[in-house]
Amino acid sequence: MSFVETALLALGLVLIVEGLAYALAPSLVERLLEMMRMVPEEQRRSMGLMALAFGVLLVWGAKLLGA
């Protein structure tokens, strides 16, 4: 599987999960966003970078396993 195929697969999976959250629990998403506004910007940035790194590791691990 090429990089482009892997990137498209990963993007598709993210969109599925995001879509499910909004479709099944839109009010919960709104509350979560309100809570996130109370978190300082630097902490949100750090959380985003950690999520990014974890996502890259997951995709890389899946690639190693043959995905």
N, C-alpha and C. Protein backbone atom coordinates (compact mmCIF):
# COMPACT_ATOMS: atom_id res chain seq x y z
N MET A 1 0.85 -1.17 0.00
CA MET A 1 0.00 0.00 0.00
C MET A 1 0.90 1.24 0.00
N SER A 2 0.63 2.17 -0.89
CA SER A 2 1.46 3.36 -1.00
C SER A 2 1.09 4.39 0.07
N PHE A 3 1.92 5.42 0.16
CA PHE A 3 1.67 6.50 1.12
C PHE A 3 0.31 7.16 0.87
N VAL A 4 0.00 7.40 -0.39
CA VAL A 4 -1.27 8.06 -0.73
C VAL A 4 -2.44 7.19 -0.31
N GLU A 5 -2.37 5.90 -0.56
CA GLU A 5 -3.44 4.99 -0.16
C GLU A 5 -3.60 4.97 1.35
N THR A 6 -2.47 4.94 2.06
CA THR A 6 -2.51 4.94 3.53
C THR A 6 -3.10 6.24 4.05
N ALA A 7 -2.70 7.36 3.47
CA ALA A 7 -3.21 8.66 3.90
C ALA A 7 -4.72 8.76 3.65
N LEU A 8 -5.17 8.28 2.52
CA LEU A 8 -6.61 8.30 2.23
C LEU A 8 -7.39 7.39 3.18
N LEU A 9 -6.84 6.24 3.48
CA LEU A 9 -7.47 5.32 4.42
C LEU A 9 -7.57 5.98 5.80
N ALA A 10 -6.48 6.59 6.25
CA ALA A 10 -6.48 7.24 7.55
C ALA A 10 -7.48 8.40 7.58
N LEU A 11 -7.51 9.21 6.55
CA LEU A 11 -8.45 10.32 6.48
C LEU A 11 -9.89 9.83 6.48
N GLY A 12 -10.15 8.77 5.74
CA GLY A 12 -11.50 8.20 5.71
C GLY A 12 -11.92 7.70 7.08
N LEU A 13 -11.03 7.05 7.80
CA LEU A 13 -11.36 6.55 9.14
C LEU A 13 -11.62 7.70 10.11
N VAL A 14 -10.84 8.77 10.00
CA VAL A 14 -11.08 9.95 10.86
C VAL A 14 -12.46 10.54 10.57
N LEU A 15 -12.80 10.66 9.30
CA LEU A 15 -14.11 11.22 8.94
C LEU A 15 -15.26 10.33 9.42
N ILE A 16 -15.07 9.03 9.40
CA ILE A 16 -16.09 8.12 9.91
C ILE A 16 -16.30 8.34 11.40
N VAL A 17 -15.23 8.39 12.16
CA VAL A 17 -15.33 8.58 13.61
C VAL A 17 -15.93 9.95 13.93
N GLU A 18 -15.47 11.00 13.25
CA GLU A 18 -16.01 12.34 13.48
C GLU A 18 -17.50 12.38 13.11
N GLY A 19 -17.85 11.79 12.01
CA GLY A 19 -19.24 11.78 11.57
C GLY A 19 -20.13 11.04 12.55
N LEU A 20 -19.64 9.92 13.08
CA LEU A 20 -20.42 9.17 14.07
C LEU A 20 -20.66 10.00 15.32
N ALA A 21 -19.64 10.72 15.77
CA ALA A 21 -19.79 11.54 16.98
C ALA A 21 -20.87 12.60 16.77
N TYR A 22 -20.83 13.28 15.65
CA TYR A 22 -21.83 14.32 15.37
C TYR A 22 -23.21 13.73 15.11
N ALA A 23 -23.28 12.56 14.49
CA ALA A 23 -24.57 11.95 14.19
C ALA A 23 -25.24 11.35 15.43
N LEU A 24 -24.45 10.75 16.31
CA LEU A 24 -25.01 10.05 17.45
C LEU A 24 -25.14 10.91 18.71
N ALA A 25 -24.27 11.91 18.87
CA ALA A 25 -24.30 12.69 20.11
C ALA A 25 -23.91 14.16 19.86
N PRO A 26 -24.70 14.88 19.06
CA PRO A 26 -24.32 16.27 18.76
C PRO A 26 -24.29 17.16 20.00
N SER A 27 -25.17 16.94 20.96
CA SER A 27 -25.15 17.78 22.16
C SER A 27 -23.90 17.51 23.00
N LEU A 28 -23.45 16.28 23.01
CA LEU A 28 -22.22 15.95 23.72
C LEU A 28 -21.02 16.64 23.08
N VAL A 29 -21.00 16.70 21.76
CA VAL A 29 -19.93 17.39 21.05
C VAL A 29 -19.94 18.88 21.40
N GLU A 30 -21.12 19.47 21.48
CA GLU A 30 -21.23 20.89 21.84
C GLU A 30 -20.71 21.13 23.26
N ARG A 31 -21.04 20.26 24.19
CA ARG A 31 -20.55 20.40 25.56
C ARG A 31 -19.03 20.25 25.62
N LEU A 32 -18.52 19.30 24.85
CA LEU A 32 -17.07 19.10 24.81
C LEU A 32 -16.37 20.34 24.27
N LEU A 33 -16.93 20.95 23.22
CA LEU A 33 -16.33 22.16 22.67
C LEU A 33 -16.36 23.30 23.68
N GLU A 34 -17.45 23.41 24.43
CA GLU A 34 -17.53 24.43 25.48
C GLU A 34 -16.46 24.20 26.54
N MET A 35 -16.26 22.95 26.92
CA MET A 35 -15.23 22.63 27.91
C MET A 35 -13.83 22.95 27.37
N MET A 36 -13.62 22.68 26.08
CA MET A 36 -12.31 22.93 25.47
C MET A 36 -11.98 24.43 25.47
N ARG A 37 -13.02 25.28 25.39
CA ARG A 37 -12.77 26.72 25.40
C ARG A 37 -12.17 27.17 26.73
N MET A 38 -12.39 26.41 27.79
CA MET A 38 -11.87 26.76 29.10
C MET A 38 -10.41 26.32 29.29
N VAL A 39 -9.94 25.45 28.43
CA VAL A 39 -8.55 24.96 28.51
C VAL A 39 -7.63 25.99 27.86
N PRO A 40 -6.54 26.36 28.52
CA PRO A 40 -5.61 27.34 27.94
C PRO A 40 -5.10 26.89 26.56
N GLU A 41 -4.83 27.87 25.71
CA GLU A 41 -4.42 27.60 24.33
C GLU A 41 -3.17 26.73 24.26
N GLU A 42 -2.18 27.00 25.09
CA GLU A 42 -0.95 26.20 25.06
C GLU A 42 -1.23 24.74 25.40
N GLN A 43 -2.12 24.51 26.34
CA GLN A 43 -2.46 23.13 26.71
C GLN A 43 -3.21 22.44 25.58
N ARG A 44 -4.10 23.18 24.91
CA ARG A 44 -4.80 22.60 23.74
C ARG A 44 -3.81 22.27 22.64
N ARG A 45 -2.82 23.15 22.44
CA ARG A 45 -1.80 22.90 21.41
C ARG A 45 -1.01 21.64 21.76
N SER A 46 -0.63 21.51 23.02
CA SER A 46 0.12 20.32 23.45
C SER A 46 -0.71 19.05 23.27
N MET A 47 -2.00 19.13 23.62
CA MET A 47 -2.88 17.97 23.44
C MET A 47 -2.99 17.62 21.95
N GLY A 48 -3.08 18.64 21.11
CA GLY A 48 -3.16 18.40 19.67
C GLY A 48 -1.90 17.74 19.13
N LEU A 49 -0.74 18.21 19.59
CA LEU A 49 0.52 17.62 19.14
C LEU A 49 0.67 16.18 19.61
N MET A 50 0.22 15.90 20.84
CA MET A 50 0.26 14.52 21.34
C MET A 50 -0.67 13.62 20.54
N ALA A 51 -1.87 14.13 20.22
CA ALA A 51 -2.80 13.35 19.42
C ALA A 51 -2.24 13.10 18.02
N LEU A 52 -1.60 14.11 17.46
CA LEU A 52 -0.96 13.97 16.15
C LEU A 52 0.10 12.89 16.17
N ALA A 53 0.98 12.95 17.17
CA ALA A 53 2.06 11.96 17.28
C ALA A 53 1.50 10.56 17.47
N PHE A 54 0.47 10.43 18.32
CA PHE A 54 -0.14 9.13 18.55
C PHE A 54 -0.80 8.60 17.27
N GLY A 55 -1.45 9.48 16.54
CA GLY A 55 -2.06 9.07 15.27
C GLY A 55 -1.04 8.59 14.26
N VAL A 56 0.08 9.31 14.17
CA VAL A 56 1.15 8.91 13.26
C VAL A 56 1.67 7.53 13.66
N LEU A 57 1.86 7.33 14.97
CA LEU A 57 2.34 6.02 15.43
C LEU A 57 1.35 4.91 15.11
N LEU A 58 0.05 5.19 15.27
CA LEU A 58 -0.96 4.18 14.95
C LEU A 58 -0.95 3.83 13.47
N VAL A 59 -0.89 4.84 12.61
CA VAL A 59 -0.88 4.59 11.16
C VAL A 59 0.41 3.85 10.78
N TRP A 60 1.53 4.27 11.35
CA TRP A 60 2.80 3.60 11.07
C TRP A 60 2.76 2.13 11.53
N GLY A 61 2.22 1.91 12.74
CA GLY A 61 2.09 0.54 13.24
C GLY A 61 1.19 -0.31 12.36
N ALA A 62 0.07 0.28 11.92
CA ALA A 62 -0.83 -0.46 11.03
C ALA A 62 -0.13 -0.81 9.72
N LYS A 63 0.68 0.13 9.21
CA LYS A 63 1.45 -0.12 7.99
C LYS A 63 2.41 -1.29 8.18
N LEU A 64 3.07 -1.34 9.35
CA LEU A 64 4.00 -2.42 9.63
C LEU A 64 3.28 -3.78 9.71
N LEU A 65 2.03 -3.74 10.16
CA LEU A 65 1.25 -4.97 10.28
C LEU A 65 0.61 -5.40 8.97
N GLY A 66 0.79 -4.58 7.94
CA GLY A 66 0.31 -4.98 6.62
C GLY A 66 -0.94 -4.26 6.14
N ALA A 67 -1.37 -3.23 6.82
CA ALA A 67 -2.56 -2.50 6.40
C ALA A 67 -2.27 -1.68 5.15
